[in-house]
């Protein structure tokens, strides 16, 4: 049975992004039942980061009203059940470091997604081990 039209549209958009086409997946609806409230708030902020832009974990924490919560933001993003749709790859560490990424491929996948989106992060390391 084919997926419903909204699901099919989401699949098409995600596949296009992963093939290298810049796509904004903001409009894809998510079922957040069972997701802790703090994590939901982190994901809401992450979804406001436009393709090609990045924020630091500390920036997200500040936007949530708790500048000291950067580590908790990172943990919430590490639990992200909707990678790519909730663009946790657009959240980077302080001082231009890439930071972690829990999806398969880890930091290399994060780097690739940011490259697809032509992320504006001039100090972002371009090579492994940077």
N, C-alpha and C. Protein backbone atom coordinates (compact mmCIF):
# COMPACT_ATOMS: atom_id res chain seq x y z
N UNK A 1 0.85 -1.17 0.00
CA UNK A 1 0.00 0.00 0.00
C UNK A 1 0.90 1.24 0.00
N UNK A 2 0.64 2.18 -0.87
CA UNK A 2 1.47 3.39 -0.91
C UNK A 2 1.24 4.25 0.33
N UNK A 3 2.25 5.00 0.74
CA UNK A 3 2.08 5.86 1.91
C UNK A 3 1.12 7.00 1.60
N UNK A 4 0.51 7.57 2.65
CA UNK A 4 -0.36 8.73 2.44
C UNK A 4 0.43 9.86 1.78
N UNK A 5 -0.26 10.77 1.09
CA UNK A 5 0.43 11.84 0.36
C UNK A 5 1.41 12.66 1.21
N UNK A 6 1.08 13.00 2.45
CA UNK A 6 2.00 13.78 3.28
C UNK A 6 3.27 12.99 3.60
N UNK A 7 3.11 11.71 3.84
CA UNK A 7 4.27 10.86 4.13
C UNK A 7 5.12 10.72 2.87
N UNK A 8 4.47 10.52 1.72
CA UNK A 8 5.21 10.41 0.46
C UNK A 8 5.98 11.69 0.17
N UNK A 9 5.36 12.84 0.42
CA UNK A 9 6.04 14.11 0.19
C UNK A 9 7.26 14.24 1.11
N UNK A 10 7.13 13.79 2.35
CA UNK A 10 8.25 13.82 3.29
C UNK A 10 9.38 12.92 2.80
N UNK A 11 9.04 11.75 2.34
CA UNK A 11 10.04 10.81 1.84
C UNK A 11 10.79 11.42 0.65
N UNK A 12 10.06 12.00 -0.27
CA UNK A 12 10.68 12.61 -1.45
C UNK A 12 11.63 13.73 -1.03
N UNK A 13 11.21 14.56 -0.09
CA UNK A 13 12.05 15.68 0.36
C UNK A 13 13.31 15.19 1.07
N UNK A 14 13.18 14.19 1.92
CA UNK A 14 14.33 13.66 2.67
C UNK A 14 15.32 13.00 1.71
N UNK A 15 14.82 12.21 0.78
CA UNK A 15 15.70 11.55 -0.19
C UNK A 15 16.42 12.59 -1.03
N UNK A 16 15.72 13.63 -1.45
CA UNK A 16 16.35 14.69 -2.24
C UNK A 16 17.47 15.36 -1.45
N UNK A 17 17.22 15.65 -0.17
CA UNK A 17 18.24 16.25 0.68
C UNK A 17 19.46 15.34 0.76
N UNK A 18 19.23 14.07 1.01
CA UNK A 18 20.34 13.14 1.16
C UNK A 18 21.10 12.90 -0.15
N UNK A 19 20.47 13.22 -1.27
CA UNK A 19 21.15 13.14 -2.58
C UNK A 19 21.96 14.40 -2.87
N UNK A 20 21.83 15.40 -2.00
CA UNK A 20 22.62 16.60 -2.19
C UNK A 20 21.84 17.84 -2.56
N UNK A 21 20.52 17.75 -2.63
CA UNK A 21 19.70 18.91 -2.95
C UNK A 21 19.32 19.62 -1.65
N UNK A 22 19.55 20.90 -1.58
CA UNK A 22 19.16 21.66 -0.39
C UNK A 22 17.64 21.65 -0.25
N UNK A 23 17.17 21.23 0.88
CA UNK A 23 15.73 21.18 1.16
C UNK A 23 15.51 21.63 2.59
N UNK A 24 14.40 22.33 2.81
CA UNK A 24 13.98 22.70 4.16
C UNK A 24 12.84 21.75 4.53
N UNK A 25 13.04 20.99 5.59
CA UNK A 25 12.06 19.97 5.99
C UNK A 25 11.16 20.48 7.12
N UNK A 26 11.13 21.79 7.32
CA UNK A 26 10.40 22.38 8.43
C UNK A 26 8.92 22.01 8.43
N UNK A 27 8.30 21.91 7.29
CA UNK A 27 6.85 21.69 7.21
C UNK A 27 6.44 20.25 7.51
N UNK A 28 7.37 19.34 7.63
CA UNK A 28 7.01 17.94 7.91
C UNK A 28 6.51 17.85 9.35
N UNK A 29 5.30 17.36 9.51
CA UNK A 29 4.70 17.22 10.84
C UNK A 29 5.34 16.06 11.60
N UNK A 30 5.40 16.20 12.90
CA UNK A 30 6.02 15.18 13.75
C UNK A 30 5.07 14.79 14.88
N UNK A 31 5.10 13.53 15.25
CA UNK A 31 4.37 13.05 16.42
C UNK A 31 5.34 13.08 17.60
N UNK A 32 5.16 14.05 18.47
CA UNK A 32 6.07 14.22 19.60
C UNK A 32 5.56 13.56 20.88
N UNK A 33 4.56 12.71 20.76
CA UNK A 33 4.05 12.00 21.93
C UNK A 33 5.19 11.17 22.54
N UNK A 34 5.36 11.28 23.82
CA UNK A 34 6.40 10.53 24.50
C UNK A 34 7.75 11.22 24.53
N UNK A 35 7.87 12.35 23.86
CA UNK A 35 9.14 13.10 23.86
C UNK A 35 9.10 14.04 25.07
N UNK A 36 10.13 14.00 25.92
CA UNK A 36 10.14 14.87 27.10
C UNK A 36 10.00 16.35 26.73
N UNK A 37 9.39 17.12 27.61
CA UNK A 37 9.11 18.53 27.35
C UNK A 37 10.37 19.33 26.99
N UNK A 38 11.46 19.13 27.73
CA UNK A 38 12.69 19.87 27.43
C UNK A 38 13.16 19.54 26.01
N UNK A 39 13.16 18.26 25.67
CA UNK A 39 13.59 17.84 24.34
C UNK A 39 12.71 18.48 23.27
N UNK A 40 11.40 18.51 23.50
CA UNK A 40 10.49 19.15 22.54
C UNK A 40 10.88 20.60 22.30
N UNK A 41 11.18 21.30 23.37
CA UNK A 41 11.55 22.71 23.25
C UNK A 41 12.86 22.85 22.47
N UNK A 42 13.81 21.97 22.73
CA UNK A 42 15.07 21.99 21.98
C UNK A 42 14.79 21.74 20.50
N UNK A 43 13.95 20.76 20.19
CA UNK A 43 13.65 20.43 18.80
C UNK A 43 12.93 21.57 18.10
N UNK A 44 12.06 22.27 18.84
CA UNK A 44 11.37 23.43 18.26
C UNK A 44 12.38 24.50 17.86
N UNK A 45 13.34 24.77 18.73
CA UNK A 45 14.37 25.76 18.40
C UNK A 45 15.19 25.27 17.21
N UNK A 46 15.61 24.02 17.23
CA UNK A 46 16.43 23.48 16.14
C UNK A 46 15.70 23.60 14.80
N UNK A 47 14.39 23.41 14.83
CA UNK A 47 13.62 23.48 13.57
C UNK A 47 13.50 24.91 13.04
N UNK A 48 13.84 25.90 13.86
CA UNK A 48 13.80 27.29 13.37
C UNK A 48 15.12 27.70 12.72
N UNK A 49 16.14 26.87 12.82
CA UNK A 49 17.44 27.19 12.21
C UNK A 49 17.31 26.91 10.71
N UNK A 50 17.45 27.94 9.93
CA UNK A 50 17.29 27.81 8.48
C UNK A 50 18.41 26.98 7.86
N UNK A 51 18.10 26.30 6.75
CA UNK A 51 19.17 25.61 6.04
C UNK A 51 20.28 26.60 5.71
N UNK A 52 21.52 26.16 5.90
CA UNK A 52 22.66 27.01 5.64
C UNK A 52 23.09 27.85 6.83
N UNK A 53 22.37 27.74 7.92
CA UNK A 53 22.71 28.47 9.14
C UNK A 53 23.01 27.47 10.26
N UNK A 54 23.73 27.92 11.27
CA UNK A 54 24.01 27.08 12.43
C UNK A 54 23.85 27.91 13.70
N UNK A 55 23.62 27.23 14.80
CA UNK A 55 23.65 27.80 16.14
C UNK A 55 24.51 26.89 16.99
N UNK A 56 25.08 27.42 18.05
CA UNK A 56 25.83 26.58 18.98
C UNK A 56 24.87 25.98 20.00
N UNK A 57 25.34 24.96 20.70
CA UNK A 57 24.54 24.38 21.78
C UNK A 57 24.20 25.46 22.80
N UNK A 58 25.17 26.33 23.09
CA UNK A 58 24.95 27.43 24.02
C UNK A 58 23.92 28.42 23.50
N UNK A 59 23.93 28.68 22.19
CA UNK A 59 22.92 29.57 21.60
C UNK A 59 21.52 29.01 21.82
N UNK A 60 21.37 27.71 21.58
CA UNK A 60 20.06 27.07 21.77
C UNK A 60 19.65 27.17 23.23
N UNK A 61 20.58 26.89 24.14
CA UNK A 61 20.29 26.98 25.57
C UNK A 61 19.84 28.39 25.94
N UNK A 62 20.51 29.39 25.40
CA UNK A 62 20.15 30.78 25.67
C UNK A 62 18.75 31.08 25.14
N UNK A 63 18.45 30.62 23.95
CA UNK A 63 17.11 30.83 23.39
C UNK A 63 16.03 30.15 24.23
N UNK A 64 16.40 29.08 24.92
CA UNK A 64 15.46 28.39 25.81
C UNK A 64 15.36 29.09 27.17
N UNK A 65 16.18 30.11 27.38
CA UNK A 65 16.13 30.85 28.63
C UNK A 65 17.05 30.34 29.71
N UNK A 66 17.95 29.40 29.38
CA UNK A 66 18.88 28.84 30.36
C UNK A 66 20.26 28.70 29.74
N UNK A 67 21.05 29.78 29.72
CA UNK A 67 22.36 29.73 29.07
C UNK A 67 23.29 28.64 29.61
N UNK A 68 23.04 28.13 30.80
CA UNK A 68 23.89 27.09 31.38
C UNK A 68 23.49 25.68 30.93
N UNK A 69 22.49 25.57 30.07
CA UNK A 69 21.96 24.25 29.71
C UNK A 69 22.52 23.70 28.40
N UNK A 70 23.68 24.18 27.96
CA UNK A 70 24.23 23.72 26.69
C UNK A 70 24.44 22.21 26.67
N UNK A 71 24.94 21.65 27.76
CA UNK A 71 25.17 20.19 27.81
C UNK A 71 23.84 19.43 27.70
N UNK A 72 22.81 19.93 28.36
CA UNK A 72 21.49 19.29 28.29
C UNK A 72 20.91 19.39 26.89
N UNK A 73 21.17 20.51 26.21
CA UNK A 73 20.74 20.66 24.82
C UNK A 73 21.41 19.58 23.98
N UNK A 74 22.71 19.39 24.16
CA UNK A 74 23.43 18.36 23.43
C UNK A 74 22.87 16.97 23.68
N UNK A 75 22.53 16.69 24.93
CA UNK A 75 21.95 15.38 25.26
C UNK A 75 20.59 15.20 24.58
N UNK A 76 19.77 16.26 24.60
CA UNK A 76 18.45 16.19 23.95
C UNK A 76 18.61 15.93 22.45
N UNK A 77 19.56 16.62 21.83
CA UNK A 77 19.79 16.42 20.39
C UNK A 77 20.34 15.03 20.12
N UNK A 78 21.10 14.48 21.05
CA UNK A 78 21.59 13.11 20.91
C UNK A 78 20.48 12.08 20.96
N UNK A 79 19.35 12.45 21.57
CA UNK A 79 18.19 11.56 21.64
C UNK A 79 17.18 11.83 20.52
N UNK A 80 17.49 12.75 19.64
CA UNK A 80 16.58 13.18 18.58
C UNK A 80 16.06 11.98 17.78
N UNK A 81 14.75 11.70 17.87
CA UNK A 81 14.21 10.57 17.11
C UNK A 81 13.92 10.92 15.66
N UNK A 82 14.14 12.16 15.27
CA UNK A 82 13.83 12.62 13.91
C UNK A 82 15.02 13.31 13.25
N UNK A 83 16.21 12.65 13.22
CA UNK A 83 17.35 13.33 12.63
C UNK A 83 17.04 13.77 11.19
N UNK A 84 17.59 14.83 10.80
CA UNK A 84 17.42 15.52 9.53
C UNK A 84 16.13 16.34 9.55
N UNK A 85 15.01 15.76 9.95
CA UNK A 85 13.76 16.53 10.03
C UNK A 85 13.86 17.54 11.16
N UNK A 86 14.32 17.10 12.32
CA UNK A 86 14.74 18.03 13.37
C UNK A 86 16.24 18.19 13.13
N UNK A 87 16.64 19.31 12.54
CA UNK A 87 18.00 19.45 12.02
C UNK A 87 19.06 19.65 13.10
N UNK A 88 19.28 18.62 13.89
CA UNK A 88 20.28 18.71 14.94
C UNK A 88 21.68 18.90 14.35
N UNK A 89 21.85 18.58 13.07
CA UNK A 89 23.14 18.81 12.43
C UNK A 89 23.47 20.30 12.32
N UNK A 90 22.47 21.16 12.47
CA UNK A 90 22.69 22.60 12.39
C UNK A 90 23.11 23.20 13.73
N UNK A 91 23.23 22.35 14.74
CA UNK A 91 23.68 22.81 16.06
C UNK A 91 25.11 22.31 16.24
N UNK A 92 26.02 23.26 16.44
CA UNK A 92 27.44 22.95 16.52
C UNK A 92 27.99 23.36 17.88
N UNK A 93 29.18 22.90 18.18
CA UNK A 93 29.82 23.22 19.45
C UNK A 93 30.38 24.64 19.41
N UNK A 94 30.82 25.09 20.56
CA UNK A 94 31.40 26.43 20.68
C UNK A 94 32.74 26.48 19.96
N UNK A 95 33.19 27.67 19.68
CA UNK A 95 34.51 27.92 19.10
C UNK A 95 34.69 27.24 17.74
N UNK A 96 33.61 27.10 16.99
CA UNK A 96 33.71 26.56 15.64
C UNK A 96 33.91 25.07 15.55
N UNK A 97 33.82 24.35 16.67
CA UNK A 97 33.96 22.89 16.63
C UNK A 97 32.66 22.29 16.10
N UNK A 98 32.77 21.16 15.45
CA UNK A 98 31.61 20.52 14.85
C UNK A 98 30.65 19.97 15.88
N UNK A 99 31.17 19.33 16.91
CA UNK A 99 30.31 18.69 17.90
C UNK A 99 29.89 17.31 17.43
N UNK A 100 29.12 16.63 18.24
CA UNK A 100 28.72 15.27 17.95
C UNK A 100 27.51 15.17 17.05
N UNK A 101 27.24 13.94 16.61
CA UNK A 101 26.07 13.65 15.80
C UNK A 101 25.77 12.18 15.99
N UNK A 102 24.56 11.88 16.46
CA UNK A 102 24.25 10.51 16.86
C UNK A 102 23.77 9.62 15.71
N UNK A 103 23.49 10.20 14.56
CA UNK A 103 23.02 9.38 13.43
C UNK A 103 24.19 8.58 12.85
N UNK A 104 23.89 7.54 12.07
CA UNK A 104 24.97 6.77 11.46
C UNK A 104 25.94 7.67 10.70
N UNK A 105 27.21 7.39 10.84
CA UNK A 105 28.24 8.19 10.20
C UNK A 105 28.79 9.28 11.08
N UNK A 106 28.10 9.57 12.20
CA UNK A 106 28.57 10.54 13.17
C UNK A 106 28.90 11.89 12.57
N UNK A 107 30.04 12.44 12.98
CA UNK A 107 30.45 13.78 12.57
C UNK A 107 30.61 13.90 11.06
N UNK A 108 31.02 12.82 10.39
CA UNK A 108 31.16 12.89 8.93
C UNK A 108 29.81 13.13 8.27
N UNK A 109 28.77 12.50 8.80
CA UNK A 109 27.42 12.72 8.26
C UNK A 109 26.97 14.15 8.55
N UNK A 110 27.25 14.63 9.75
CA UNK A 110 26.90 16.01 10.11
C UNK A 110 27.59 16.98 9.16
N UNK A 111 28.87 16.78 8.92
CA UNK A 111 29.65 17.63 8.02
C UNK A 111 29.04 17.60 6.62
N UNK A 112 28.65 16.43 6.16
CA UNK A 112 28.07 16.28 4.80
C UNK A 112 26.73 17.02 4.70
N UNK A 113 25.88 16.88 5.72
CA UNK A 113 24.60 17.58 5.70
C UNK A 113 24.80 19.10 5.68
N UNK A 114 25.75 19.57 6.47
CA UNK A 114 26.04 21.00 6.48
C UNK A 114 26.59 21.46 5.13
N UNK A 115 27.39 20.63 4.50
CA UNK A 115 27.92 20.97 3.18
C UNK A 115 26.80 21.03 2.14
N UNK A 116 25.87 20.08 2.20
CA UNK A 116 24.73 20.08 1.28
C UNK A 116 23.97 21.40 1.42
N UNK A 117 23.82 21.84 2.65
CA UNK A 117 23.05 23.06 2.91
C UNK A 117 23.90 24.33 2.77
N UNK A 118 25.17 24.16 2.44
CA UNK A 118 26.09 25.29 2.32
C UNK A 118 26.06 26.14 3.58
N UNK A 119 26.22 25.48 4.71
CA UNK A 119 26.13 26.15 6.01
C UNK A 119 27.13 27.28 6.11
N UNK A 120 26.67 28.38 6.68
CA UNK A 120 27.50 29.55 6.90
C UNK A 120 28.14 29.45 8.27
N UNK A 121 29.23 28.77 8.34
CA UNK A 121 29.98 28.63 9.59
C UNK A 121 31.45 28.66 9.23
N UNK A 122 32.01 29.84 9.03
CA UNK A 122 33.35 29.95 8.49
C UNK A 122 34.42 29.21 9.28
N UNK A 123 34.22 29.01 10.58
CA UNK A 123 35.26 28.33 11.34
C UNK A 123 34.99 26.84 11.48
N UNK A 124 33.97 26.34 10.81
CA UNK A 124 33.64 24.92 10.86
C UNK A 124 34.77 24.12 10.24
N UNK A 125 35.27 23.09 10.92
CA UNK A 125 36.37 22.31 10.35
C UNK A 125 35.93 21.58 9.08
N UNK A 126 36.73 21.64 8.07
CA UNK A 126 36.40 21.02 6.80
C UNK A 126 36.97 19.62 6.65
N UNK A 127 37.95 19.28 7.46
CA UNK A 127 38.60 17.99 7.32
C UNK A 127 38.50 17.19 8.62
N UNK A 128 38.48 15.89 8.50
CA UNK A 128 38.44 15.04 9.69
C UNK A 128 39.61 15.37 10.59
N UNK A 129 39.32 15.34 11.89
CA UNK A 129 40.36 15.58 12.85
C UNK A 129 40.66 17.05 13.08
N UNK A 130 39.96 17.93 12.36
CA UNK A 130 40.18 19.38 12.53
C UNK A 130 39.50 19.86 13.78
